[in-house]
Structures are given as structure tokens and as C-alpha cells.
Amino acid sequence: VIIGAVSVGILLLLSGIDEQKALALGPEGPLVEEFWDNVRRYGLYALTVSTGAIYTIMVPIFELLKNPITAILILVIFGGGFYIVSQVLSAMVGVSDFSYDYAN
């Protein structure tokens, strides 16, 4: 519900912006106006696709959280996934204390 409300709010904000008309004209009409209209439409498209994907992913997870056994399993999976990702990123960035000893 919150994601949907935020999406609608951003949609109304972006569609209600009163922009000035561009002065650049191409052979077939105003190029810059068409460009910024496409940028605005792509932003709305990206917003709706991302919120729809988040909603589609989260609904089954919330359904699984209603059962205590699957809730524990989901929390363990998320905790383990977070731990693995943090360890991989710390090794990639080099913030871990592990040092490589190469044989001579």
C-alpha cells in the first residue's frame, strides 16, 4: 500500500509539472520537447515496473511469514544471504584482515 501511494504521488508530481516550451525546432518540429517528454515517460515506466516487481516479489514472502516455521526459514535465508553478500563485498573491496601468503 505504501509503495503504491508513493508511486501515485510521484506520478502526479511528474505529470503535473508545468514545463516551458522548448525553442529548438528540427525538420519535423520541436525536438527538445519530444526528448524531455520521452525522458518523463521513461521515468514513469521505470517507476511502475520497479514498484510492480517489488510488489510481486514481496507478496509471496509476506504470505510465508504468516506461518511460524516458514517465517523462521525466510529469516534464516535472508540473514544468511546478507552475511554472504557482506563477506563477498568486504573481500572484493579489501576491508577484511585476511592476507594472502604466496609460496616462494
C-alpha atoms as a PDB file:
ATOM      1  CA  VAL A   1       0.000   0.000   0.000  1.00  0.00           C
ATOM      2  CA  ILE A   2       2.816   2.408   0.879  1.00  0.00           C
ATOM      3  CA  ILE A   3       4.713   1.653  -2.334  1.00  0.00           C
ATOM      4  CA  GLY A   4       1.549   2.216  -4.347  1.00  0.00           C
ATOM      5  CA  ALA A   5       0.871   5.522  -2.598  1.00  0.00           C
ATOM      6  CA  VAL A   6       4.417   6.702  -3.241  1.00  0.00           C
ATOM      7  CA  SER A   7       4.126   5.653  -6.895  1.00  0.00           C
ATOM      8  CA  VAL A   8       0.878   7.563  -7.334  1.00  0.00           C
ATOM      9  CA  GLY A   9       2.354  10.620  -5.601  1.00  0.00           C
ATOM     10  CA  ILE A  10       5.415  10.650  -7.841  1.00  0.00           C
ATOM     11  CA  LEU A  11       3.219  10.059 -10.896  1.00  0.00           C
ATOM     12  CA  LEU A  12       1.038  13.044 -10.019  1.00  0.00           C
ATOM     13  CA  LEU A  13       4.102  15.170  -9.311  1.00  0.00           C
ATOM     14  CA  LEU A  14       5.762  14.323 -12.614  1.00  0.00           C
ATOM     15  CA  SER A  15       2.624  14.672 -14.699  1.00  0.00           C
ATOM     16  CA  GLY A  16       1.695  17.994 -13.094  1.00  0.00           C
ATOM     17  CA  ILE A  17       4.991  19.747 -13.799  1.00  0.00           C
ATOM     18  CA  ASP A  18       4.355  22.749 -15.988  1.00  0.00           C
ATOM     19  CA  GLU A  19       7.390  22.980 -18.211  1.00  0.00           C
ATOM     20  CA  GLN A  20       8.208  25.790 -20.590  1.00  0.00           C
ATOM     21  CA  LYS A  21       8.112  25.142 -24.282  1.00  0.00           C
ATOM     22  CA  ALA A  22      11.434  24.427 -25.940  1.00  0.00           C
ATOM     23  CA  LEU A  23      12.625  26.736 -28.679  1.00  0.00           C
ATOM     24  CA  ALA A  24      14.733  24.237 -30.647  1.00  0.00           C
ATOM     25  CA  LEU A  25      12.964  23.056 -33.770  1.00  0.00           C
ATOM     26  CA  GLY A  26      14.073  20.236 -36.005  1.00  0.00           C
ATOM     27  CA  PRO A  27      12.949  19.476 -39.538  1.00  0.00           C
ATOM     28  CA  GLU A  28       9.753  17.892 -38.239  1.00  0.00           C
ATOM     29  CA  GLY A  29       9.024  20.004 -35.170  1.00  0.00           C
ATOM     30  CA  PRO A  30      10.183  20.551 -31.596  1.00  0.00           C
ATOM     31  CA  LEU A  31      12.941  18.034 -30.876  1.00  0.00           C
ATOM     32  CA  VAL A  32      13.773  19.050 -27.312  1.00  0.00           C
ATOM     33  CA  GLU A  33      10.144  18.933 -26.169  1.00  0.00           C
ATOM     34  CA  GLU A  34       9.793  15.449 -27.561  1.00  0.00           C
ATOM     35  CA  PHE A  35      13.047  14.383 -25.884  1.00  0.00           C
ATOM     36  CA  TRP A  36      12.010  15.612 -22.427  1.00  0.00           C
ATOM     37  CA  ASP A  37       8.564  14.090 -22.843  1.00  0.00           C
ATOM     38  CA  ASN A  38      10.223  10.738 -23.598  1.00  0.00           C
ATOM     39  CA  VAL A  39      12.525  11.150 -20.573  1.00  0.00           C
ATOM     40  CA  ARG A  40       9.498  11.809 -18.354  1.00  0.00           C
ATOM     41  CA  ARG A  41       7.625   8.820 -19.757  1.00  0.00           C
ATOM     42  CA  TYR A  42      10.659   6.563 -19.287  1.00  0.00           C
ATOM     43  CA  GLY A  43      10.951   7.704 -15.668  1.00  0.00           C
ATOM     44  CA  LEU A  44       7.309   6.819 -15.064  1.00  0.00           C
ATOM     45  CA  TYR A  45       7.819   3.485 -16.822  1.00  0.00           C
ATOM     46  CA  ALA A  46      10.860   2.663 -14.662  1.00  0.00           C
ATOM     47  CA  LEU A  47       8.954   3.651 -11.521  1.00  0.00           C
ATOM     48  CA  THR A  48       5.927   1.495 -12.312  1.00  0.00           C
ATOM     49  CA  VAL A  49       7.999  -1.515 -13.384  1.00  0.00           C
ATOM     50  CA  SER A  50      10.179  -1.375 -10.270  1.00  0.00           C
ATOM     51  CA  THR A  51       7.258  -0.960  -7.864  1.00  0.00           C
ATOM     52  CA  GLY A  52       5.377  -3.768  -9.617  1.00  0.00           C
ATOM     53  CA  ALA A  53       8.401  -6.053  -9.372  1.00  0.00           C
ATOM     54  CA  ILE A  54       8.883  -5.248  -5.686  1.00  0.00           C
ATOM     55  CA  TYR A  55       5.195  -5.887  -5.014  1.00  0.00           C
ATOM     56  CA  THR A  56       5.238  -9.167  -6.959  1.00  0.00           C
ATOM     57  CA  ILE A  57       8.293 -10.374  -5.046  1.00  0.00           C
ATOM     58  CA  MET A  58       7.126  -9.281  -1.600  1.00  0.00           C
ATOM     59  CA  VAL A  59       3.548 -10.657  -1.622  1.00  0.00           C
ATOM     60  CA  PRO A  60       4.558 -14.365  -1.515  1.00  0.00           C
ATOM     61  CA  ILE A  61       7.208 -13.607   1.112  1.00  0.00           C
ATOM     62  CA  PHE A  62       4.624 -11.912   3.347  1.00  0.00           C
ATOM     63  CA  GLU A  63       2.327 -14.901   2.883  1.00  0.00           C
ATOM     64  CA  LEU A  64       5.134 -17.211   4.024  1.00  0.00           C
ATOM     65  CA  LEU A  65       5.757 -15.046   7.093  1.00  0.00           C
ATOM     66  CA  LYS A  66       2.286 -15.910   8.446  1.00  0.00           C
ATOM     67  CA  ASN A  67       3.394 -19.464   9.284  1.00  0.00           C
ATOM     68  CA  PRO A  68       5.988 -19.531  12.124  1.00  0.00           C
ATOM     69  CA  ILE A  69       8.078 -22.340  10.606  1.00  0.00           C
ATOM     70  CA  THR A  70       8.366 -20.731   7.189  1.00  0.00           C
ATOM     71  CA  ALA A  71       8.897 -17.346   8.847  1.00  0.00           C
ATOM     72  CA  ILE A  72      11.961 -18.695  10.653  1.00  0.00           C
ATOM     73  CA  LEU A  73      13.182 -20.260   7.411  1.00  0.00           C
ATOM     74  CA  ILE A  74      12.717 -16.985   5.494  1.00  0.00           C
ATOM     75  CA  LEU A  75      14.563 -15.020   8.196  1.00  0.00           C
ATOM     76  CA  VAL A  76      17.439 -17.526   8.169  1.00  0.00           C
ATOM     77  CA  ILE A  77      17.659 -17.341   4.372  1.00  0.00           C
ATOM     78  CA  PHE A  78      17.676 -13.523   4.401  1.00  0.00           C
ATOM     79  CA  GLY A  79      20.196 -13.418   7.246  1.00  0.00           C
ATOM     80  CA  GLY A  80      22.486 -15.935   5.547  1.00  0.00           C
ATOM     81  CA  GLY A  81      22.177 -14.155   2.220  1.00  0.00           C
ATOM     82  CA  PHE A  82      23.043 -10.831   3.811  1.00  0.00           C
ATOM     83  CA  TYR A  83      26.045 -12.382   5.571  1.00  0.00           C
ATOM     84  CA  ILE A  84      27.360 -13.998   2.372  1.00  0.00           C
ATOM     85  CA  VAL A  85      26.927 -10.813   0.333  1.00  0.00           C
ATOM     86  CA  SER A  86      28.651  -8.731   3.024  1.00  0.00           C
ATOM     87  CA  GLN A  87      31.580 -11.168   3.185  1.00  0.00           C
ATOM     88  CA  VAL A  88      31.988 -11.223  -0.593  1.00  0.00           C
ATOM     89  CA  LEU A  89      31.835  -7.431  -0.819  1.00  0.00           C
ATOM     90  CA  SER A  90      34.327  -6.959   2.015  1.00  0.00           C
ATOM     91  CA  ALA A  91      36.716  -9.389   0.320  1.00  0.00           C
ATOM     92  CA  MET A  92      36.277  -7.620  -3.030  1.00  0.00           C
ATOM     93  CA  VAL A  93      36.842  -4.161  -1.585  1.00  0.00           C
ATOM     94  CA  GLY A  94      39.729  -5.328   0.576  1.00  0.00           C
ATOM     95  CA  VAL A  95      38.460  -4.293   4.004  1.00  0.00           C
ATOM     96  CA  SER A  96      38.984  -7.746   5.518  1.00  0.00           C
ATOM     97  CA  ASP A  97      42.047  -8.631   7.611  1.00  0.00           C
ATOM     98  CA  PHE A  98      42.782 -11.736   5.580  1.00  0.00           C
ATOM     99  CA  SER A  99      46.193 -11.682   3.917  1.00  0.00           C
ATOM    100  CA  TYR A 100      47.336 -13.951   1.135  1.00  0.00           C
ATOM    101  CA  ASP A 101      50.642 -15.753   1.709  1.00  0.00           C
ATOM    102  CA  TYR A 102      52.027 -16.939  -1.592  1.00  0.00           C
ATOM    103  CA  ALA A 103      54.521 -19.803  -1.657  1.00  0.00           C
ATOM    104  CA  ASN A 104      58.002 -18.874  -2.831  1.00  0.00           C
END
